[in-house]
Amino acid sequence: MSKLTITLFLVSVAFMVIPDMSFANKFTTIGGGVSGTDPEKLAILKQIGAYTGTFFILLGILSIVTKDRFEGFIGMRSKNQGISPAAYVLIILGGLLSLLFFV
């Protein structure tokens, strides 16, 4: 492993372990769940769904655009076999998650 890879790994572990103090007063956990009003929880879930859906759509489009370049990736096919169904699944799943934002 290179020094850059080890450094990135250590920094990512540090971000997961060190608590973010800006959220300390916003939420209080009772019984393992997040307490607060239902509209506030729904707004947070809508944002998470929108961001995740957009990310899935971008991954699906990227896999369609680069279908002939990276045959070694999971879900990809050889050069002349067409587009893998995984790209369409990502786009459809991303669209459904993004629709959650507008509901």
C-alpha atoms as a PDB file:
ATOM      1  CA  MET A   1       0.000   0.000   0.000  1.00  0.00           C
ATOM      2  CA  SER A   2       1.206   3.448  -0.745  1.00  0.00           C
ATOM      3  CA  LYS A   3       1.523   6.224   1.803  1.00  0.00           C
ATOM      4  CA  LEU A   4      -1.385   8.091   0.205  1.00  0.00           C
ATOM      5  CA  THR A   5      -3.705   5.106   0.557  1.00  0.00           C
ATOM      6  CA  ILE A   6      -2.762   4.603   4.191  1.00  0.00           C
ATOM      7  CA  THR A   7      -3.220   8.315   4.918  1.00  0.00           C
ATOM      8  CA  LEU A   8      -6.659   8.390   3.253  1.00  0.00           C
ATOM      9  CA  PHE A   9      -7.691   5.297   5.212  1.00  0.00           C
ATOM     10  CA  LEU A  10      -6.580   6.793   8.530  1.00  0.00           C
ATOM     11  CA  VAL A  11      -8.311  10.115   7.817  1.00  0.00           C
ATOM     12  CA  SER A  12     -11.579   8.355   6.897  1.00  0.00           C
ATOM     13  CA  VAL A  13     -11.437   6.229  10.049  1.00  0.00           C
ATOM     14  CA  ALA A  14     -10.793   9.373  12.124  1.00  0.00           C
ATOM     15  CA  PHE A  15     -13.854  11.094  10.598  1.00  0.00           C
ATOM     16  CA  MET A  16     -16.019   8.090  11.453  1.00  0.00           C
ATOM     17  CA  VAL A  17     -14.744   7.844  15.032  1.00  0.00           C
ATOM     18  CA  ILE A  18     -14.638  11.524  16.029  1.00  0.00           C
ATOM     19  CA  PRO A  19     -18.184  12.746  16.792  1.00  0.00           C
ATOM     20  CA  ASP A  20     -19.482  15.868  15.135  1.00  0.00           C
ATOM     21  CA  MET A  21     -20.291  18.330  17.893  1.00  0.00           C
ATOM     22  CA  SER A  22     -22.586  20.436  15.698  1.00  0.00           C
ATOM     23  CA  PHE A  23     -25.237  17.699  15.892  1.00  0.00           C
ATOM     24  CA  ALA A  24     -24.920  17.235  19.656  1.00  0.00           C
ATOM     25  CA  ASN A  25     -27.794  19.541  20.605  1.00  0.00           C
ATOM     26  CA  LYS A  26     -29.962  18.917  17.550  1.00  0.00           C
ATOM     27  CA  PHE A  27     -30.907  15.311  18.226  1.00  0.00           C
ATOM     28  CA  THR A  28     -31.243  13.270  21.373  1.00  0.00           C
ATOM     29  CA  THR A  29     -31.410   9.519  21.120  1.00  0.00           C
ATOM     30  CA  ILE A  30     -33.957   7.597  23.141  1.00  0.00           C
ATOM     31  CA  GLY A  31     -33.981   3.833  22.826  1.00  0.00           C
ATOM     32  CA  GLY A  32     -31.582   3.846  19.874  1.00  0.00           C
ATOM     33  CA  GLY A  33     -33.748   6.114  17.701  1.00  0.00           C
ATOM     34  CA  VAL A  34     -33.662   9.765  16.763  1.00  0.00           C
ATOM     35  CA  SER A  35     -36.196  11.865  18.612  1.00  0.00           C
ATOM     36  CA  GLY A  36     -37.735  14.949  17.138  1.00  0.00           C
ATOM     37  CA  THR A  37     -40.778  15.976  15.197  1.00  0.00           C
ATOM     38  CA  ASP A  38     -42.016  13.803  12.370  1.00  0.00           C
ATOM     39  CA  PRO A  39     -41.743  16.539   9.680  1.00  0.00           C
ATOM     40  CA  GLU A  40     -38.097  17.077  10.622  1.00  0.00           C
ATOM     41  CA  LYS A  41     -37.337  13.353  10.310  1.00  0.00           C
ATOM     42  CA  LEU A  42     -39.214  13.169   6.999  1.00  0.00           C
ATOM     43  CA  ALA A  43     -37.269  16.146   5.634  1.00  0.00           C
ATOM     44  CA  ILE A  44     -33.971  14.462   6.503  1.00  0.00           C
ATOM     45  CA  LEU A  45     -35.070  11.186   4.876  1.00  0.00           C
ATOM     46  CA  LYS A  46     -36.182  13.071   1.759  1.00  0.00           C
ATOM     47  CA  GLN A  47     -32.781  14.716   1.445  1.00  0.00           C
ATOM     48  CA  ILE A  48     -30.968  11.413   1.905  1.00  0.00           C
ATOM     49  CA  GLY A  49     -33.205   9.783  -0.715  1.00  0.00           C
ATOM     50  CA  ALA A  50     -32.636  12.610  -3.189  1.00  0.00           C
ATOM     51  CA  TYR A  51     -28.864  12.570  -2.812  1.00  0.00           C
ATOM     52  CA  THR A  52     -28.663   8.787  -2.985  1.00  0.00           C
ATOM     53  CA  GLY A  53     -30.977   8.661  -5.986  1.00  0.00           C
ATOM     54  CA  THR A  54     -28.956  11.275  -7.846  1.00  0.00           C
ATOM     55  CA  PHE A  55     -25.776   9.344  -7.106  1.00  0.00           C
ATOM     56  CA  PHE A  56     -27.325   6.101  -8.430  1.00  0.00           C
ATOM     57  CA  ILE A  57     -28.514   7.866 -11.595  1.00  0.00           C
ATOM     58  CA  LEU A  58     -25.033   9.269 -12.200  1.00  0.00           C
ATOM     59  CA  LEU A  59     -23.490   5.816 -11.661  1.00  0.00           C
ATOM     60  CA  GLY A  60     -25.935   4.286 -14.144  1.00  0.00           C
ATOM     61  CA  ILE A  61     -25.210   6.935 -16.777  1.00  0.00           C
ATOM     62  CA  LEU A  62     -21.471   6.579 -16.188  1.00  0.00           C
ATOM     63  CA  SER A  63     -21.664   2.816 -16.681  1.00  0.00           C
ATOM     64  CA  ILE A  64     -23.561   3.295 -19.964  1.00  0.00           C
ATOM     65  CA  VAL A  65     -21.123   5.920 -21.249  1.00  0.00           C
ATOM     66  CA  THR A  66     -18.031   3.876 -20.338  1.00  0.00           C
ATOM     67  CA  LYS A  67     -19.401   0.443 -21.284  1.00  0.00           C
ATOM     68  CA  ASP A  68     -16.527  -0.409 -23.641  1.00  0.00           C
ATOM     69  CA  ARG A  69     -13.675   0.711 -21.394  1.00  0.00           C
ATOM     70  CA  PHE A  70     -13.758  -1.248 -18.134  1.00  0.00           C
ATOM     71  CA  GLU A  71     -14.645  -4.886 -18.777  1.00  0.00           C
ATOM     72  CA  GLY A  72     -13.243  -6.045 -15.448  1.00  0.00           C
ATOM     73  CA  PHE A  73     -15.862  -4.294 -13.316  1.00  0.00           C
ATOM     74  CA  ILE A  74     -18.774  -6.213 -11.846  1.00  0.00           C
ATOM     75  CA  GLY A  75     -21.848  -6.041 -14.026  1.00  0.00           C
ATOM     76  CA  MET A  76     -19.953  -5.000 -17.140  1.00  0.00           C
ATOM     77  CA  ARG A  77     -19.755  -7.078 -20.283  1.00  0.00           C
ATOM     78  CA  SER A  78     -17.264  -7.507 -23.087  1.00  0.00           C
ATOM     79  CA  LYS A  79     -16.910  -4.848 -25.769  1.00  0.00           C
ATOM     80  CA  ASN A  80     -19.530  -6.028 -28.251  1.00  0.00           C
ATOM     81  CA  GLN A  81     -22.170  -7.476 -25.922  1.00  0.00           C
ATOM     82  CA  GLY A  82     -24.231  -4.369 -25.268  1.00  0.00           C
ATOM     83  CA  ILE A  83     -25.071  -2.623 -22.031  1.00  0.00           C
ATOM     84  CA  SER A  84     -25.359  -4.512 -18.766  1.00  0.00           C
ATOM     85  CA  PRO A  85     -28.775  -4.549 -17.081  1.00  0.00           C
ATOM     86  CA  ALA A  86     -27.125  -3.258 -13.893  1.00  0.00           C
ATOM     87  CA  ALA A  87     -26.961   0.240 -15.414  1.00  0.00           C
ATOM     88  CA  TYR A  88     -30.709   0.293 -15.977  1.00  0.00           C
ATOM     89  CA  VAL A  89     -31.374  -1.035 -12.478  1.00  0.00           C
ATOM     90  CA  LEU A  90     -29.255   1.781 -11.016  1.00  0.00           C
ATOM     91  CA  ILE A  91     -31.075   4.423 -13.055  1.00  0.00           C
ATOM     92  CA  ILE A  92     -34.526   3.094 -12.137  1.00  0.00           C
ATOM     93  CA  LEU A  93     -33.634   2.758  -8.448  1.00  0.00           C
ATOM     94  CA  GLY A  94     -32.131   6.237  -8.466  1.00  0.00           C
ATOM     95  CA  GLY A  95     -35.247   7.645 -10.080  1.00  0.00           C
ATOM     96  CA  LEU A  96     -37.476   6.049  -7.456  1.00  0.00           C
ATOM     97  CA  LEU A  97     -35.310   7.368  -4.620  1.00  0.00           C
ATOM     98  CA  SER A  98     -35.245  10.846  -6.166  1.00  0.00           C
ATOM     99  CA  LEU A  99     -39.041  10.825  -6.463  1.00  0.00           C
ATOM    100  CA  LEU A 100     -39.204  10.433  -2.694  1.00  0.00           C
ATOM    101  CA  PHE A 101     -37.929  14.022  -2.448  1.00  0.00           C
ATOM    102  CA  PHE A 102     -40.998  15.365  -4.289  1.00  0.00           C
ATOM    103  CA  VAL A 103     -43.623  13.282  -2.469  1.00  0.00           C
END
